Amino acid sequence: MAISAVKWSSFLGPDSPVPHDMIFKVTESSSELDRKMHIYVNAHKFVLAAVSTEFKKLLYPEAQDIDIVDLKPFHQSGKTEIEVTSSTVEAVQAMLQFVYDGEPQFPVDDAKQLTHTFHSLNLAYQYKIQGLVDLLESNISSFRL
């Protein structure tokens, strides 16, 4: 089978045929409970590095000859960890769905979806995923006020 025939979205779920080797630790504040919650989202370093030079720098610093101070090299599970504090778990999951599947999952029909889209756009800018930036900017510009 050619790599272009691989259904990458099957690698994103908990039943991935290849074990996940990295994790996003998403910190969200709960106003109802007045505390912070940590939610973990699994992924594969190779897949992320293949679509983003920023992920490549973060996940493979030895290939860049630079030091990354905000990357925690290992989570308790032995996976590389990236901490996300200024977004939502839904935005991280949507970003990963775009990376693995390439399918646009970003309808913008109401203000709640618009907020989600802005969180996703922030991640796309941060991790330099240009295809996602283009898609989200287009969706935002077509939103009717």
Protein backbone atom coordinates (compact mmCIF):
# COMPACT_ATOMS: atom_id res chain seq x y z
CA MET A 1 0.00 0.00 0.00
CA ALA A 2 1.21 3.51 -0.78
CA ILE A 3 1.39 6.10 1.98
CA SER A 4 -1.19 8.18 0.10
CA ALA A 5 -3.72 5.36 0.58
CA VAL A 6 -3.38 5.32 4.38
CA LYS A 7 -6.50 6.39 6.27
CA TRP A 8 -4.67 8.62 8.76
CA SER A 9 -7.78 9.44 10.78
CA SER A 10 -7.77 5.83 12.04
CA PHE A 11 -4.50 6.64 13.84
CA LEU A 12 -6.06 9.45 15.88
CA GLY A 13 -8.47 7.45 18.02
CA PRO A 14 -7.79 5.26 21.04
CA ASP A 15 -7.58 2.16 18.81
CA SER A 16 -4.72 3.55 16.73
CA PRO A 17 -2.82 0.78 14.92
CA VAL A 18 0.41 2.51 16.01
CA PRO A 19 0.76 3.65 19.64
CA HIS A 20 0.67 7.39 20.27
CA ASP A 21 4.05 8.84 21.25
CA MET A 22 3.03 12.33 22.28
CA ILE A 23 0.31 14.01 24.26
CA PHE A 24 -1.26 17.46 24.44
CA LYS A 25 -1.97 18.47 28.03
CA VAL A 26 -4.82 20.96 27.68
CA THR A 27 -5.52 23.10 30.73
CA GLU A 28 -9.03 24.50 30.88
CA SER A 29 -10.57 26.60 33.61
CA SER A 30 -13.92 25.57 35.00
CA SER A 31 -15.83 28.63 36.15
CA GLU A 32 -18.48 26.43 37.78
CA LEU A 33 -15.94 24.64 39.96
CA ASP A 34 -13.46 27.54 40.15
CA ARG A 35 -10.53 25.26 39.32
CA LYS A 36 -8.39 24.13 36.43
CA MET A 37 -8.82 20.81 34.67
CA HIS A 38 -6.20 18.94 32.66
CA ILE A 39 -7.38 16.98 29.65
CA TYR A 40 -5.00 14.81 27.65
CA VAL A 41 -5.17 14.33 23.87
CA ASN A 42 -2.92 11.78 22.15
CA ALA A 43 -1.15 12.16 18.82
CA HIS A 44 1.92 11.04 16.84
CA LYS A 45 5.06 13.17 16.64
CA PHE A 46 5.88 12.06 13.10
CA VAL A 47 2.48 13.04 11.71
CA LEU A 48 2.56 16.49 13.33
CA ALA A 49 6.17 17.15 12.30
CA ALA A 50 5.31 16.19 8.72
CA VAL A 51 2.67 18.94 8.42
CA SER A 52 4.20 21.72 10.52
CA THR A 53 7.71 23.12 10.78
CA GLU A 54 6.80 24.41 14.24
CA PHE A 55 5.89 20.91 15.44
CA LYS A 56 9.08 19.61 13.85
CA LYS A 57 11.11 22.13 15.88
CA LEU A 58 9.23 21.31 19.09
CA LEU A 59 9.17 17.55 18.74
CA TYR A 60 12.55 16.93 17.11
CA PRO A 61 14.84 19.67 18.52
CA GLU A 62 17.92 17.51 17.92
CA ALA A 63 17.24 17.85 14.18
CA GLN A 64 17.14 21.65 14.52
CA ASP A 65 20.21 22.16 16.72
CA ILE A 66 18.20 24.41 19.06
CA ASP A 67 17.04 24.23 22.66
CA ILE A 68 13.33 24.21 23.44
CA VAL A 69 12.61 25.14 27.03
CA ASP A 70 8.80 24.96 27.11
CA LEU A 71 8.55 21.35 25.89
CA LYS A 72 8.29 18.80 28.65
CA PRO A 73 10.21 15.85 27.27
CA PHE A 74 8.21 13.14 29.01
CA HIS A 75 4.82 12.74 30.54
CA GLN A 76 4.29 10.13 33.22
CA SER A 77 3.30 7.71 30.45
CA GLY A 78 6.66 8.18 28.70
CA LYS A 79 5.10 10.24 25.90
CA THR A 80 6.39 13.63 24.79
CA GLU A 81 4.09 16.31 26.17
CA ILE A 82 3.06 19.72 24.84
CA GLU A 83 1.19 21.88 27.32
CA VAL A 84 -1.68 23.97 25.93
CA THR A 85 -3.01 26.64 28.29
CA SER A 86 -4.62 29.26 26.07
CA SER A 87 -7.09 27.16 24.12
CA THR A 88 -9.73 24.46 24.51
CA VAL A 89 -9.67 20.70 24.19
CA GLU A 90 -12.21 21.00 21.37
CA ALA A 91 -9.84 23.26 19.43
CA VAL A 92 -6.91 20.86 19.92
CA GLN A 93 -9.07 17.95 18.78
CA ALA A 94 -10.30 19.91 15.75
CA MET A 95 -6.73 20.83 14.81
CA LEU A 96 -5.67 17.20 15.04
CA GLN A 97 -8.71 16.07 13.05
CA PHE A 98 -7.68 18.48 10.30
CA VAL A 99 -4.06 17.27 10.39
CA TYR A 100 -4.92 13.57 10.32
CA ASP A 101 -7.99 13.70 8.10
CA GLY A 102 -7.60 16.83 5.99
CA GLU A 103 -11.34 17.29 6.08
CA PRO A 104 -12.77 20.65 7.06
CA GLN A 105 -14.68 20.24 10.34
CA PHE A 106 -15.26 23.92 11.02
CA PRO A 107 -18.79 25.11 10.31
CA VAL A 108 -19.43 28.65 11.47
CA ASP A 109 -23.19 29.06 11.80
CA ASP A 110 -23.48 30.72 15.20
CA ALA A 111 -21.43 32.69 17.73
CA LYS A 112 -20.53 29.59 19.77
CA GLN A 113 -18.96 27.98 16.71
CA LEU A 114 -17.20 31.26 15.95
CA THR A 115 -15.53 31.18 19.38
CA HIS A 116 -14.40 27.59 18.72
CA THR A 117 -13.11 28.65 15.30
CA PHE A 118 -11.03 31.48 16.82
CA HIS A 119 -9.46 29.06 19.33
CA SER A 120 -8.63 26.70 16.46
CA LEU A 121 -7.22 29.57 14.39
CA ASN A 122 -4.98 30.59 17.28
CA LEU A 123 -3.56 27.03 17.39
CA ALA A 124 -3.13 27.00 13.61
CA TYR A 125 -1.12 30.24 13.81
CA GLN A 126 0.90 29.02 16.79
CA TYR A 127 1.86 25.73 15.14
CA LYS A 128 2.07 27.15 11.59
CA ILE A 129 -0.49 24.89 9.91
CA GLN A 130 -1.10 27.08 6.86
CA GLY A 131 -3.89 25.00 5.28
CA LEU A 132 -5.87 25.26 8.50
CA VAL A 133 -5.15 28.99 8.79
CA ASP A 134 -6.49 29.53 5.26
CA LEU A 135 -9.62 27.47 5.90
CA LEU A 136 -10.46 29.15 9.19
CA GLU A 137 -9.79 32.69 7.96
CA SER A 138 -12.12 32.00 5.05
CA ASN A 139 -14.83 30.67 7.39
CA ILE A 140 -14.50 33.67 9.70
CA SER A 141 -14.63 36.18 6.85
CA SER A 142 -17.85 34.59 5.55
CA PHE A 143 -19.57 34.69 8.97
CA ARG A 144 -22.62 36.93 8.93
CA LEU A 145 -22.97 39.32 11.83
